[in-house]
Amino acid sequence: MMVAANAHTFSRAAAVGLLALAQLLGQSGDLARGKALFQSGGCVNCHRIGDAGSRVGPNLSDIGDRREAERLQQSILAPDDEVIPENRYVNVTMKDGTTVRGRLLNHDGLSVQLMDSKEQLRSIEISKMKGYAIVTKGLMPSFQGKLSAQDIAHLVTYLGSLKTPE
């Protein structure tokens, strides 16, 4: 009986995910509305497109070349499901107790290099640290339940249009 209960739970979770995907796929997005949502929703506080936005999060200038609509939707609804190494953050605790957090650029036996929230490049010597931890989860919040299926479709249409100029 325990197997049946787990199968039922899995089936229900899978059904909820499939329903969300079906709702999104049934929606046609508007590029202009997606761009407006991207700009007004705070996305530019972390992401960069072309010369506009922040370098703190991943650059999305050519995300349409790298991601299909389904993966773009997944990144909006469940961003922690796939955090690639170059988008990971690091928390550094200094010997004096202060902490520094930023996007991990590199780490080796002598130092950790990161970009902090003010987009400043920092190289911190390991000898000056108490320790550091690489964060495997992303900083981007999930927009599950915060945006309608239509708004997600608008965003996915906009992001999917961002491609390398030919």
Protein backbone atom coordinates (compact mmCIF):
# COMPACT_ATOMS: atom_id res chain seq x y z
CA MET A 1 0.00 0.00 0.00
CA MET A 2 2.88 2.39 0.68
CA VAL A 3 4.00 2.12 -2.94
CA ALA A 4 0.53 3.04 -4.16
CA ALA A 5 0.43 6.08 -1.87
CA ASN A 6 3.84 7.26 -3.17
CA ALA A 7 2.78 6.63 -6.77
CA HIS A 8 -0.39 8.64 -6.14
CA THR A 9 1.64 11.51 -4.63
CA PHE A 10 4.10 11.47 -7.53
CA SER A 11 1.26 11.34 -10.05
CA ARG A 12 -0.44 14.30 -8.44
CA ALA A 13 2.79 16.35 -8.41
CA ALA A 14 3.47 15.38 -12.02
CA ALA A 15 -0.09 16.27 -12.99
CA VAL A 16 0.20 19.72 -11.38
CA GLY A 17 3.43 20.36 -13.31
CA LEU A 18 1.91 19.13 -16.56
CA LEU A 19 -1.17 21.26 -16.00
CA ALA A 20 0.98 24.37 -15.52
CA LEU A 21 2.94 23.55 -18.68
CA ALA A 22 -0.28 22.89 -20.64
CA GLN A 23 -1.70 26.23 -19.48
CA LEU A 24 1.48 28.00 -20.59
CA LEU A 25 1.62 26.21 -23.94
CA GLY A 26 -2.02 27.13 -24.51
CA GLN A 27 -1.18 30.81 -24.06
CA SER A 28 0.35 32.92 -26.78
CA GLY A 29 2.70 35.54 -25.47
CA ASP A 30 3.12 39.13 -26.56
CA LEU A 31 6.74 40.25 -27.00
CA ALA A 32 6.10 43.89 -26.03
CA ARG A 33 4.19 42.90 -22.89
CA GLY A 34 6.96 40.45 -21.98
CA LYS A 35 9.58 43.17 -22.33
CA ALA A 36 7.50 45.54 -20.18
CA LEU A 37 7.09 42.83 -17.51
CA PHE A 38 10.84 42.15 -17.58
CA GLN A 39 11.64 45.82 -17.09
CA SER A 40 8.94 46.60 -14.50
CA GLY A 41 9.25 43.32 -12.57
CA GLY A 42 12.75 44.02 -11.30
CA CYS A 43 14.49 41.51 -13.59
CA VAL A 44 16.95 44.20 -14.73
CA ASN A 45 18.16 44.55 -11.13
CA CYS A 46 20.05 41.29 -11.62
CA HIS A 47 20.00 40.45 -15.33
CA ARG A 48 21.56 42.22 -18.27
CA ILE A 49 20.31 42.46 -21.85
CA GLY A 50 22.68 44.22 -24.22
CA ASP A 51 24.03 47.27 -22.43
CA ALA A 52 21.12 47.59 -19.98
CA GLY A 53 20.70 45.98 -16.59
CA SER A 54 22.94 44.48 -13.96
CA ARG A 55 25.85 42.05 -14.20
CA VAL A 56 25.00 40.43 -10.86
CA GLY A 57 22.90 37.67 -12.46
CA PRO A 58 23.24 35.85 -15.77
CA ASN A 59 23.41 37.89 -18.98
CA LEU A 60 20.27 37.14 -20.99
CA SER A 61 21.23 38.95 -24.22
CA ASP A 62 21.17 35.71 -26.23
CA ILE A 63 19.07 33.45 -23.99
CA GLY A 64 16.74 32.67 -26.91
CA ASP A 65 19.67 30.96 -28.66
CA ARG A 66 20.46 28.87 -25.60
CA ARG A 67 17.04 27.90 -24.19
CA GLU A 68 13.82 26.53 -25.60
CA ALA A 69 10.48 27.92 -24.35
CA GLU A 70 9.95 25.02 -21.92
CA ARG A 71 13.32 25.62 -20.20
CA LEU A 72 12.70 29.38 -20.06
CA GLN A 73 9.38 28.72 -18.36
CA GLN A 74 11.06 26.31 -15.93
CA SER A 75 13.70 28.94 -15.12
CA ILE A 76 10.96 31.42 -14.22
CA LEU A 77 8.86 29.03 -12.15
CA ALA A 78 11.60 26.89 -10.54
CA PRO A 79 14.93 28.70 -10.96
CA ASP A 80 16.77 26.46 -8.46
CA ASP A 81 16.18 23.37 -10.59
CA GLU A 82 19.13 24.31 -12.81
CA VAL A 83 21.83 26.66 -11.56
CA ILE A 84 24.86 26.32 -13.79
CA PRO A 85 28.28 26.73 -12.12
CA GLU A 86 29.04 30.16 -13.59
CA ASN A 87 25.85 31.50 -11.97
CA ARG A 88 26.56 30.29 -8.45
CA TYR A 89 27.14 32.54 -5.50
CA VAL A 90 29.65 32.33 -2.70
CA ASN A 91 29.36 33.40 0.94
CA VAL A 92 32.71 34.43 2.44
CA THR A 93 33.21 34.85 6.18
CA MET A 94 36.22 36.97 7.03
CA LYS A 95 38.37 36.40 10.11
CA ASP A 96 36.91 39.56 11.67
CA GLY A 97 33.39 38.07 11.34
CA THR A 98 32.18 40.21 8.45
CA THR A 99 30.63 38.47 5.47
CA VAL A 100 30.90 39.07 1.77
CA ARG A 101 28.51 37.60 -0.77
CA GLY A 102 28.79 37.65 -4.51
CA ARG A 103 28.66 35.78 -7.78
CA LEU A 104 31.52 33.32 -7.88
CA LEU A 105 33.94 34.04 -10.71
CA ASN A 106 36.84 31.79 -9.68
CA HIS A 107 38.43 30.15 -6.67
CA ASP A 108 41.79 28.49 -6.20
CA GLY A 109 44.21 27.65 -3.41
CA LEU A 110 45.05 31.31 -2.75
CA SER A 111 41.88 33.34 -3.23
CA VAL A 112 38.22 33.60 -4.15
CA GLN A 113 37.20 36.01 -6.88
CA LEU A 114 33.64 37.29 -6.96
CA MET A 115 31.41 40.10 -8.15
CA ASP A 116 29.50 41.66 -5.28
CA SER A 117 25.99 43.14 -5.36
CA LYS A 118 27.44 46.53 -6.38
CA GLU A 119 29.07 44.88 -9.42
CA GLN A 120 32.52 45.33 -7.89
CA LEU A 121 35.10 42.68 -8.69
CA ARG A 122 36.71 41.39 -5.51
CA SER A 123 39.59 39.03 -4.93
CA ILE A 124 39.76 37.83 -1.35
CA GLU A 125 42.80 35.99 -0.07
CA ILE A 126 42.05 32.70 1.68
CA SER A 127 44.50 33.65 4.45
CA LYS A 128 42.14 36.52 5.41
CA MET A 129 39.04 34.28 5.54
CA LYS A 130 37.52 32.22 8.27
CA GLY A 131 35.87 30.22 5.50
CA TYR A 132 33.67 30.27 2.45
CA ALA A 133 30.80 28.27 1.01
CA ILE A 134 29.63 27.98 -2.55
CA VAL A 135 25.84 28.32 -2.70
CA THR A 136 24.32 25.69 -4.98
CA LYS A 137 20.89 27.32 -5.05
CA GLY A 138 20.25 30.44 -7.10
CA LEU A 139 19.25 33.84 -5.79
CA MET A 140 16.43 34.28 -8.27
CA PRO A 141 13.02 33.93 -6.66
CA SER A 142 10.40 31.61 -8.10
CA PHE A 143 7.51 33.34 -9.80
CA GLN A 144 5.22 30.33 -9.31
CA GLY A 145 1.89 31.73 -8.12
CA LYS A 146 3.14 35.32 -8.49
CA LEU A 147 2.55 35.63 -12.23
CA SER A 148 -0.38 34.42 -14.28
CA ALA A 149 0.11 31.82 -17.01
CA GLN A 150 -0.47 34.64 -19.50
CA ASP A 151 2.27 36.82 -17.96
CA ILE A 152 4.67 33.87 -18.00
CA ALA A 153 3.82 33.33 -21.67
CA HIS A 154 4.61 37.01 -22.35
CA LEU A 155 7.97 36.71 -20.57
CA VAL A 156 8.86 33.46 -22.34
CA THR A 157 8.00 35.04 -25.72
CA TYR A 158 10.21 38.04 -24.95
CA LEU A 159 13.12 36.01 -23.61
CA GLY A 160 12.87 33.57 -26.51
CA SER A 161 13.25 36.49 -28.92
CA LEU A 162 16.61 37.48 -27.43
CA LYS A 163 19.14 36.08 -29.88
CA THR A 164 22.58 36.91 -31.16
CA PRO A 165 22.33 39.39 -34.03
CA GLU A 166 23.23 37.79 -37.33
